[in-house]
Amino acid sequence: MSAEALSSDSTGEGSAFKFIHTVVDRILPALAVDRRLLPVLCPVPPAQQPLVNGIQVLMENSVTSSAFPNPSILIAMNLAGAYNVEAQKLLTYKLMASDIADLTIGQLALTVMALTSSCRDPGNKVSILHRQMENWAPSSPNAQSSTFYGPSLAVLALCQKNPETTLPIAVRFAKILLANSSPFNTDTGAMVILALTCMYNKIPVGSEEGYRSLFGQVLEDVVKNISMKIKDNGIIGDIYSTGLAMQALSVTPKHPPKKWNCKKTMDTILKEIELGKFHNPMSIAQILPSLKGKTYLDVPHVSCIPGHEGQPTLPSQTNPAPTSASNITVIYTINNQLRGVELHFNETINVSVKAGSVLLVVLEEAQRRSSMFKFETTMTSWGLVVSSINNIAENVHHRTYWQFLSGKTPLDEGVADYIPFNHEHITANFTQY
């Protein structure tokens, strides 16, 4: 809600907001700050706050001593204000003690940001990340957009620690982005915007003005690209990429050609939460900061004073009468037709499982019935990912992976989260990105 709207509020608080609005109008010109650079405020209505509390508690409860230490979850907890302080401490200690040797650039950057948001010294992780980015280059001149996601996180993490020493890295990164013609997916575009907005806002005094123009040009291009992904219902890309996109569009100094309706986006996301679409801890971690009015640019400014007192208000739940689940049939196909892969196949099996079962159960039943459907999984920050089927494994160097589709539409949830419906045709297709 704008300051203008708040100033006419009939609750009796309008005069206070009017005073703030007047002060802002007088101070910003003196500081040479453009009003448009202020974050777009898009609050959750009080009546729906229990929905947000509910998914935050769900996310925090996923933190256990045996769980994958996910830095994105710790960042979200710290930005939102943790309810479960013990889970917050456990995750912080696990990330501090984690071995960084096997981390990607993006994972290392998230770990640096997570520890920064916990008011902990990341130690040599920052210098290692800096060195990795000095040596980083895309695999090809027109690399896929996902190639730039991790490096964008790295620029953001380094910018928040020391923008002056990060400037040469950010300039080289921005020039690479300008030269790349591949369209960005929503997640990567949002992260590019957050990273370069940080640099745009923190260009060291005395630096060439051309740097601001360079960052501004890339930001303008990427913001325009993301704005084309805004759907009529406010979703940006898909529901799971919308959280990062909301962060990006709320802070960018370059605005999309068509004005973004934050309230419409927020209303749709809240409806999706009510429908139970946000139950994966990683998906919650990406949407939660926006629901709390925060962005990744707030990471260095988190207060490490203990957060919420007492228990949050949660959505009221009704316990449905227990019913005996009937069986459904899922048509499951595994397909590999990629050139250069030694074994080609296209096999289909009809699998019967209990209604409400996740896709992983379908895969397990298919594997039980036929060795050709044997599969392996890998644990990631998003949960279980199928890494191999019928002895054909994904390969990061060949850029191959197993993509799951419903009909011809890629699934936007993982095998441990997606619930197939009766007679749905699920295909696991070995493909290249």
Protein backbone atom coordinates (compact mmCIF):
# COMPACT_ATOMS: atom_id res chain seq x y z
CA MET A 1 0.00 0.00 0.00
CA SER A 2 1.33 3.45 -0.90
CA ALA A 3 2.00 6.23 1.60
CA GLU A 4 -0.69 8.25 -0.16
CA ALA A 5 -3.29 5.55 0.48
CA LEU A 6 -2.19 5.15 4.08
CA SER A 7 -2.41 8.88 4.71
CA SER A 8 -6.15 8.77 4.03
CA ASP A 9 -6.71 5.70 6.21
CA SER A 10 -9.79 6.05 8.37
CA THR A 11 -8.43 4.09 11.34
CA GLY A 12 -6.96 7.13 13.05
CA GLU A 13 -3.40 6.23 12.07
CA GLY A 14 -3.53 8.31 8.89
CA SER A 15 -1.87 11.35 10.44
CA ALA A 16 1.18 9.31 11.43
CA PHE A 17 1.58 7.95 7.93
CA LYS A 18 1.03 11.41 6.49
CA PHE A 19 3.85 12.70 8.67
CA ILE A 20 6.15 9.88 7.51
CA HIS A 21 5.19 10.55 3.90
CA THR A 22 6.05 14.25 4.31
CA VAL A 23 9.41 13.45 5.91
CA VAL A 24 10.25 10.99 3.11
CA ASP A 25 9.36 13.60 0.49
CA ARG A 26 11.71 16.12 2.12
CA ILE A 27 14.61 13.81 2.96
CA LEU A 28 14.92 11.75 -0.23
CA PRO A 29 15.76 14.68 -2.53
CA ALA A 30 18.43 15.82 -0.09
CA LEU A 31 19.97 12.34 -0.19
CA ALA A 32 19.65 12.15 -3.99
CA VAL A 33 17.59 8.98 -3.62
CA ASP A 34 14.94 8.17 -6.20
CA ARG A 35 11.58 7.30 -4.59
CA ARG A 36 11.27 4.50 -7.12
CA LEU A 37 14.29 2.73 -5.59
CA LEU A 38 12.37 2.08 -2.38
CA PRO A 39 11.05 -1.49 -2.07
CA VAL A 40 7.46 -2.04 -3.13
CA LEU A 41 5.50 -2.80 0.04
CA CYS A 42 3.02 -5.63 -0.40
CA PRO A 43 1.82 -6.80 3.03
CA VAL A 44 -0.01 -10.01 3.85
CA PRO A 45 -3.52 -9.20 5.17
CA PRO A 46 -3.71 -9.87 8.94
CA ALA A 47 -6.48 -12.44 8.47
CA GLN A 48 -4.17 -14.55 6.30
CA GLN A 49 -1.06 -14.23 8.44
CA PRO A 50 -1.74 -17.65 10.07
CA LEU A 51 -1.25 -19.23 6.62
CA VAL A 52 2.23 -17.70 6.44
CA ASN A 53 2.99 -18.74 10.01
CA GLY A 54 1.90 -22.27 9.17
CA ILE A 55 4.32 -22.77 6.28
CA GLN A 56 7.13 -21.16 8.28
CA VAL A 57 6.60 -23.67 11.10
CA LEU A 58 6.49 -26.48 8.51
CA MET A 59 9.81 -25.29 7.06
CA GLU A 60 11.46 -24.94 10.47
CA ASN A 61 10.29 -28.40 11.53
CA SER A 62 12.20 -29.88 8.57
CA VAL A 63 15.48 -28.95 10.28
CA THR A 64 16.79 -32.05 12.07
CA SER A 65 20.22 -33.42 12.92
CA SER A 66 19.95 -35.91 10.05
CA ALA A 67 18.48 -33.55 7.43
CA PHE A 68 20.35 -31.92 4.55
CA PRO A 69 21.78 -28.61 5.91
CA ASN A 70 20.02 -26.15 3.62
CA PRO A 71 21.39 -22.58 3.78
CA SER A 72 18.30 -21.20 1.99
CA ILE A 73 16.18 -22.33 4.94
CA LEU A 74 18.45 -20.57 7.44
CA ILE A 75 18.35 -17.35 5.38
CA ALA A 76 14.55 -17.51 5.30
CA MET A 77 14.37 -18.20 9.06
CA ASN A 78 16.63 -15.26 9.83
CA LEU A 79 14.84 -12.84 7.50
CA ALA A 80 11.41 -13.87 8.79
CA GLY A 81 12.38 -14.16 12.46
CA ALA A 82 12.64 -17.77 13.62
CA TYR A 83 10.00 -19.39 15.81
CA ASN A 84 12.11 -22.48 16.49
CA VAL A 85 15.34 -21.08 17.95
CA GLU A 86 16.80 -24.55 18.55
CA ALA A 87 16.36 -25.45 14.88
CA GLN A 88 17.95 -22.12 13.96
CA LYS A 89 20.99 -22.85 16.14
CA LEU A 90 21.31 -26.43 14.86
CA LEU A 91 21.26 -25.35 11.22
CA THR A 92 23.75 -22.54 11.89
CA TYR A 93 26.21 -24.91 13.57
CA LYS A 94 25.83 -27.51 10.81
CA LEU A 95 26.59 -24.93 8.12
CA MET A 96 29.56 -23.56 10.06
CA ALA A 97 31.00 -27.07 10.29
CA SER A 98 30.14 -28.13 6.73
CA ASP A 99 32.85 -29.21 4.30
CA ILE A 100 32.93 -26.69 1.47
CA ALA A 101 35.13 -28.80 -0.80
CA ASP A 102 32.19 -30.31 -2.69
CA LEU A 103 29.99 -27.21 -2.80
CA THR A 104 29.13 -25.47 -6.06
CA ILE A 105 29.65 -21.71 -6.36
CA GLY A 106 25.94 -21.17 -5.68
CA GLN A 107 25.89 -23.43 -2.61
CA LEU A 108 28.98 -21.73 -1.20
CA ALA A 109 27.44 -18.30 -1.81
CA LEU A 110 24.23 -19.32 -0.02
CA THR A 111 26.29 -20.64 2.91
CA VAL A 112 28.12 -17.30 3.17
CA MET A 113 24.79 -15.44 3.11
CA ALA A 114 23.24 -17.81 5.65
CA LEU A 115 26.10 -17.32 8.11
CA THR A 116 26.07 -13.55 7.49
CA SER A 117 22.35 -13.45 8.27
CA SER A 118 23.14 -15.33 11.50
CA CYS A 119 25.73 -12.71 12.50
CA ARG A 120 28.45 -15.36 12.15
CA ASP A 121 31.82 -14.85 10.49
CA PRO A 122 31.96 -16.97 7.31
CA GLY A 123 35.75 -17.10 7.72
CA ASN A 124 37.73 -18.15 4.65
CA LYS A 125 34.56 -19.04 2.76
CA VAL A 126 34.41 -15.46 1.43
CA SER A 127 37.96 -15.46 0.05
CA ILE A 128 37.42 -18.91 -1.49
CA LEU A 129 34.20 -17.70 -3.15
CA HIS A 130 36.00 -14.58 -4.39
CA ARG A 131 38.76 -16.69 -5.93
CA GLN A 132 36.27 -19.05 -7.56
CA MET A 133 34.44 -16.14 -9.17
CA GLU A 134 37.70 -14.64 -10.43
CA ASN A 135 38.29 -17.91 -12.29
CA TRP A 136 34.69 -18.51 -13.36
CA ALA A 137 33.60 -18.44 -16.99
CA PRO A 138 30.52 -19.87 -18.75
CA SER A 139 30.97 -23.12 -20.65
CA SER A 140 30.06 -21.45 -23.96
CA PRO A 141 29.27 -17.95 -25.30
CA ASN A 142 25.54 -18.77 -25.31
CA ALA A 143 25.34 -20.91 -22.18
CA GLN A 144 21.95 -21.88 -20.79
CA SER A 145 20.44 -19.42 -18.33
CA SER A 146 20.79 -21.82 -15.39
CA THR A 147 24.57 -21.47 -15.79
CA PHE A 148 24.32 -17.96 -14.34
CA TYR A 149 22.23 -18.74 -11.25
CA GLY A 150 25.10 -19.77 -8.96
CA PRO A 151 27.45 -16.97 -10.07
CA SER A 152 24.64 -14.44 -9.51
CA LEU A 153 24.34 -15.69 -5.93
CA ALA A 154 28.11 -15.36 -5.60
CA VAL A 155 28.11 -11.73 -6.81
CA LEU A 156 25.30 -10.97 -4.34
CA ALA A 157 27.09 -12.64 -1.40
CA LEU A 158 30.40 -10.91 -2.21
CA CYS A 159 28.71 -7.54 -2.77
CA GLN A 160 27.23 -7.74 0.71
CA LYS A 161 30.64 -8.42 2.25
CA ASN A 162 32.79 -5.96 0.27
CA PRO A 163 31.38 -4.18 -2.80
CA GLU A 164 34.69 -2.48 -3.59
CA THR A 165 36.67 -5.70 -4.06
CA THR A 166 33.67 -7.30 -5.78
CA LEU A 167 33.40 -4.54 -8.41
CA PRO A 168 35.84 -6.07 -10.98
CA ILE A 169 34.09 -9.45 -10.66
CA ALA A 170 30.64 -7.88 -11.03
CA VAL A 171 31.72 -5.82 -14.06
CA ARG A 172 33.10 -8.88 -15.84
CA PHE A 173 29.96 -10.85 -14.95
CA ALA A 174 27.68 -8.08 -16.27
CA LYS A 175 29.60 -7.93 -19.56
CA ILE A 176 29.25 -11.71 -19.96
CA LEU A 177 25.51 -11.39 -19.35
CA LEU A 178 25.22 -8.68 -22.01
CA ALA A 179 27.02 -10.87 -24.54
CA ASN A 180 24.82 -13.90 -23.82
CA SER A 181 21.74 -14.23 -26.03
CA SER A 182 20.00 -17.09 -24.19
CA PRO A 183 16.74 -15.98 -22.51
CA PHE A 184 16.76 -16.19 -18.72
CA ASN A 185 14.44 -18.42 -16.75
CA THR A 186 12.63 -16.64 -13.92
CA ASP A 187 14.81 -17.90 -11.05
CA THR A 188 18.07 -16.94 -12.76
CA GLY A 189 16.74 -13.59 -13.91
CA ALA A 190 15.55 -12.76 -10.40
CA MET A 191 18.92 -13.63 -8.90
CA VAL A 192 20.75 -11.54 -11.52
CA ILE A 193 18.52 -8.59 -10.60
CA LEU A 194 19.19 -9.00 -6.87
CA ALA A 195 22.96 -9.30 -7.40
CA LEU A 196 23.35 -6.35 -9.76
CA THR A 197 20.93 -4.19 -7.76
CA CYS A 198 23.24 -4.70 -4.79
CA MET A 199 26.20 -3.56 -6.90
CA TYR A 200 24.21 -0.71 -8.49
CA ASN A 201 23.34 0.61 -5.03
CA LYS A 202 26.86 0.15 -3.62
CA ILE A 203 29.17 1.33 -6.40
CA PRO A 204 32.17 2.74 -4.49
CA VAL A 205 32.56 6.52 -4.45
CA GLY A 206 34.96 7.64 -7.16
CA SER A 207 34.29 4.68 -9.44
CA GLU A 208 33.61 5.27 -13.10
CA GLU A 209 30.03 6.30 -13.86
CA GLY A 210 30.16 3.79 -16.70
CA TYR A 211 29.84 0.98 -14.15
CA ARG A 212 26.42 2.24 -13.10
CA SER A 213 25.38 2.45 -16.75
CA LEU A 214 26.60 -1.11 -17.35
CA PHE A 215 24.72 -2.55 -14.38
CA GLY A 216 21.68 -0.45 -15.28
CA GLN A 217 21.65 -1.76 -18.85
CA VAL A 218 21.77 -5.41 -17.74
CA LEU A 219 19.11 -4.77 -15.11
CA GLU A 220 16.83 -3.12 -17.65
CA ASP A 221 17.17 -6.07 -20.04
CA VAL A 222 16.58 -8.73 -17.38
CA VAL A 223 13.67 -6.87 -15.74
CA LYS A 224 12.02 -6.60 -19.15
CA ASN A 225 12.56 -10.34 -19.66
CA ILE A 226 10.99 -11.21 -16.29
CA SER A 227 8.06 -8.85 -16.83
CA MET A 228 7.13 -10.91 -19.89
CA LYS A 229 6.68 -13.91 -17.58
CA ILE A 230 4.06 -12.22 -15.37
CA LYS A 231 0.76 -14.04 -15.87
CA ASP A 232 -2.72 -12.57 -15.63
CA ASN A 233 -3.16 -13.99 -12.11
CA GLY A 234 0.10 -12.38 -10.94
CA ILE A 235 2.24 -15.53 -10.92
CA ILE A 236 5.71 -14.87 -12.31
CA GLY A 237 7.03 -17.87 -14.24
CA ASP A 238 5.49 -20.55 -12.02
CA ILE A 239 4.37 -20.53 -8.38
CA TYR A 240 7.76 -21.73 -7.15
CA SER A 241 9.78 -19.07 -8.99
CA THR A 242 7.43 -16.26 -7.97
CA GLY A 243 9.02 -15.71 -4.54
CA LEU A 244 12.44 -14.77 -5.92
CA ALA A 245 10.82 -12.73 -8.70
CA MET A 246 8.81 -10.76 -6.12
CA GLN A 247 12.03 -9.95 -4.28
CA ALA A 248 13.71 -8.81 -7.49
CA LEU A 249 10.86 -6.64 -8.76
CA SER A 250 10.45 -4.98 -5.35
CA VAL A 251 14.04 -3.66 -5.25
CA THR A 252 15.20 -3.14 -8.84
CA PRO A 253 16.01 0.45 -9.84
CA LYS A 254 14.83 -0.39 -13.36
CA HIS A 255 11.11 -0.93 -13.60
CA PRO A 256 9.30 -3.26 -16.02
CA PRO A 257 7.57 -1.74 -19.07
CA LYS A 258 4.22 -2.79 -17.60
CA LYS A 259 3.61 -1.96 -13.93
CA TRP A 260 3.72 -5.03 -11.71
CA ASN A 261 0.62 -5.57 -9.55
CA CYS A 262 2.18 -6.88 -6.33
CA LYS A 263 -1.17 -7.29 -4.57
CA LYS A 264 -2.50 -9.56 -7.31
CA THR A 265 0.63 -11.71 -7.03
CA MET A 266 0.34 -11.85 -3.25
CA ASP A 267 -3.36 -12.79 -3.37
CA THR A 268 -2.68 -15.67 -5.76
CA ILE A 269 0.27 -16.97 -3.72
CA LEU A 270 -1.83 -16.94 -0.54
CA LYS A 271 -4.53 -18.95 -2.33
CA GLU A 272 -1.90 -21.48 -3.43
CA ILE A 273 -0.65 -21.75 0.16
CA GLU A 274 -4.21 -22.39 1.32
CA LEU A 275 -4.46 -25.17 -1.28
CA GLY A 276 -1.36 -26.80 0.21
CA LYS A 277 0.98 -26.14 -2.72
CA PHE A 278 3.82 -24.99 -0.46
CA HIS A 279 4.86 -28.01 1.60
CA ASN A 280 8.39 -28.58 0.31
CA PRO A 281 10.79 -26.79 2.74
CA MET A 282 12.85 -25.32 -0.10
CA SER A 283 9.79 -23.91 -1.86
CA ILE A 284 8.77 -22.31 1.45
CA ALA A 285 12.28 -20.88 1.93
CA GLN A 286 12.05 -19.10 -1.42
CA ILE A 287 8.58 -17.59 -0.90
CA LEU A 288 8.78 -16.75 2.83
CA PRO A 289 11.00 -13.63 2.65
CA SER A 290 8.57 -11.92 0.24
CA LEU A 291 5.65 -12.81 2.50
CA LYS A 292 7.50 -11.12 5.37
CA GLY A 293 8.36 -8.01 3.34
CA LYS A 294 12.05 -8.95 3.09
CA THR A 295 14.52 -9.65 0.30
CA TYR A 296 18.00 -11.16 0.08
CA LEU A 297 19.32 -7.58 0.08
CA ASP A 298 18.30 -7.47 3.77
CA VAL A 299 20.71 -10.29 4.71
CA PRO A 300 23.45 -7.99 6.12
CA HIS A 301 20.90 -6.06 8.17
CA VAL A 302 19.25 -8.92 10.07
CA SER A 303 18.97 -8.36 13.81
CA CYS A 304 20.31 -11.37 15.68
CA ILE A 305 18.27 -10.63 18.78
CA PRO A 306 16.01 -13.65 19.52
CA GLY A 307 12.87 -13.34 17.45
CA HIS A 308 9.28 -14.28 18.17
CA GLU A 309 8.02 -14.89 21.66
CA GLY A 310 5.56 -17.71 22.20
CA GLN A 311 3.85 -19.75 19.54
CA PRO A 312 2.61 -18.30 16.25
CA THR A 313 -1.06 -18.22 15.33
CA LEU A 314 -1.62 -21.10 12.93
CA PRO A 315 -4.48 -21.75 10.51
CA SER A 316 -7.39 -23.64 12.04
CA GLN A 317 -7.53 -27.24 10.89
CA THR A 318 -10.44 -29.59 10.64
CA ASN A 319 -9.72 -33.28 10.89
CA PRO A 320 -11.56 -35.09 8.08
CA ALA A 321 -13.17 -38.39 8.87
CA PRO A 322 -10.77 -41.22 8.04
CA THR A 323 -11.50 -42.95 4.77
CA SER A 324 -10.00 -46.03 3.20
CA ALA A 325 -8.05 -44.80 0.17
CA SER A 326 -9.00 -46.43 -3.10
CA ASN A 327 -6.40 -47.38 -5.67
CA ILE A 328 -5.58 -45.38 -8.78
CA THR A 329 -3.72 -46.38 -11.93
CA VAL A 330 -0.79 -44.31 -13.16
CA ILE A 331 0.70 -44.86 -16.63
CA TYR A 332 4.47 -44.55 -16.26
CA THR A 333 6.90 -44.29 -19.19
CA ILE A 334 10.69 -44.14 -19.14
CA ASN A 335 12.31 -42.80 -22.30
CA ASN A 336 15.86 -42.26 -23.52
CA GLN A 337 16.49 -41.34 -27.14
CA LEU A 338 19.52 -39.08 -26.69
CA ARG A 339 22.31 -39.49 -29.20
CA GLY A 340 25.60 -40.60 -27.76
CA VAL A 341 23.96 -42.55 -24.92
CA GLU A 342 24.63 -46.25 -25.30
CA LEU A 343 21.19 -47.60 -24.34
CA HIS A 344 18.00 -46.35 -26.01
CA PHE A 345 14.61 -47.39 -24.68
CA ASN A 346 10.97 -46.40 -24.39
CA GLU A 347 9.09 -48.56 -21.90
CA THR A 348 5.65 -48.11 -20.34
CA ILE A 349 4.05 -49.79 -17.34
CA ASN A 350 0.67 -49.37 -15.63
CA VAL A 351 1.12 -48.99 -11.89
CA SER A 352 -1.58 -49.27 -9.21
CA VAL A 353 -1.06 -47.27 -5.99
CA LYS A 354 -3.21 -45.83 -3.22
CA ALA A 355 -4.92 -42.55 -4.10
CA GLY A 356 -2.96 -39.66 -2.62
CA SER A 357 0.42 -41.40 -3.00
CA VAL A 358 3.34 -39.27 -4.15
CA LEU A 359 5.07 -40.03 -7.44
CA LEU A 360 7.98 -41.66 -5.62
CA VAL A 361 5.63 -44.50 -4.59
CA VAL A 362 4.74 -45.05 -8.27
CA LEU A 363 8.43 -45.31 -9.15
CA GLU A 364 9.05 -47.75 -6.30
CA GLU A 365 6.15 -49.98 -7.37
CA ALA A 366 7.32 -49.93 -11.01
CA GLN A 367 10.83 -50.88 -9.87
CA ARG A 368 9.43 -53.73 -7.77
CA ARG A 369 7.61 -55.14 -10.80
CA SER A 370 10.38 -54.73 -13.40
CA SER A 371 14.16 -54.30 -13.09
CA MET A 372 14.11 -52.08 -16.19
CA PHE A 373 12.46 -49.39 -14.03
CA LYS A 374 15.25 -49.47 -11.44
CA PHE A 375 16.09 -45.94 -10.29
CA GLU A 376 18.39 -44.06 -7.93
CA THR A 377 17.91 -40.74 -6.15
CA THR A 378 20.14 -37.97 -4.85
CA MET A 379 19.30 -35.68 -1.94
CA THR A 380 19.37 -31.97 -2.81
CA SER A 381 18.15 -28.77 -1.18
CA TRP A 382 14.84 -29.31 -3.02
CA GLY A 383 14.54 -32.87 -1.70
CA LEU A 384 14.99 -36.15 -3.55
CA VAL A 385 15.92 -35.91 -7.24
CA VAL A 386 15.94 -38.95 -9.52
CA SER A 387 19.51 -39.20 -10.78
CA SER A 388 19.43 -42.54 -12.61
CA ILE A 389 16.86 -44.80 -14.31
CA ASN A 390 17.64 -48.17 -15.90
CA ASN A 391 21.36 -47.53 -15.23
CA ILE A 392 21.34 -44.29 -17.25
CA ALA A 393 22.57 -41.55 -14.92
CA GLU A 394 22.49 -37.79 -15.18
CA ASN A 395 25.81 -36.16 -16.08
CA VAL A 396 26.59 -32.54 -15.28
CA HIS A 397 29.40 -32.44 -17.86
CA HIS A 398 27.07 -33.67 -20.61
CA ARG A 399 24.25 -31.48 -19.18
CA THR A 400 21.86 -34.43 -19.06
CA TYR A 401 19.14 -35.14 -16.49
CA TRP A 402 15.86 -37.00 -15.97
CA GLN A 403 12.89 -34.72 -16.60
CA PHE A 404 9.42 -35.76 -15.41
CA LEU A 405 6.32 -34.75 -17.36
CA SER A 406 2.57 -35.09 -16.98
CA GLY A 407 1.49 -35.64 -20.55
CA LYS A 408 3.70 -33.06 -22.27
CA THR A 409 3.90 -30.62 -19.34
CA PRO A 410 7.02 -30.64 -17.10
CA LEU A 411 6.23 -31.23 -13.42
CA ASP A 412 6.92 -28.28 -11.13
CA GLU A 413 7.27 -30.52 -8.05
CA GLY A 414 9.71 -33.31 -7.22
CA VAL A 415 8.94 -37.03 -7.04
CA ALA A 416 8.60 -36.89 -3.25
CA ASP A 417 6.03 -34.07 -3.46
CA TYR A 418 3.99 -34.52 -6.63
CA ILE A 419 0.71 -36.45 -6.23
CA PRO A 420 -0.47 -38.05 -9.49
CA PHE A 421 -4.15 -38.48 -10.34
CA ASN A 422 -6.00 -41.49 -11.72
CA HIS A 423 -4.98 -42.50 -15.27
CA GLU A 424 -2.34 -39.77 -15.42
CA HIS A 425 0.48 -40.45 -17.87
CA ILE A 426 3.83 -39.66 -16.25
CA THR A 427 6.95 -39.75 -18.43
CA ALA A 428 10.55 -39.75 -17.24
CA ASN A 429 12.49 -38.40 -20.20
CA PHE A 430 16.28 -38.40 -20.31
CA THR A 431 17.05 -35.00 -21.74
CA GLN A 432 19.68 -32.31 -22.14
CA TYR A 433 19.61 -28.73 -20.94
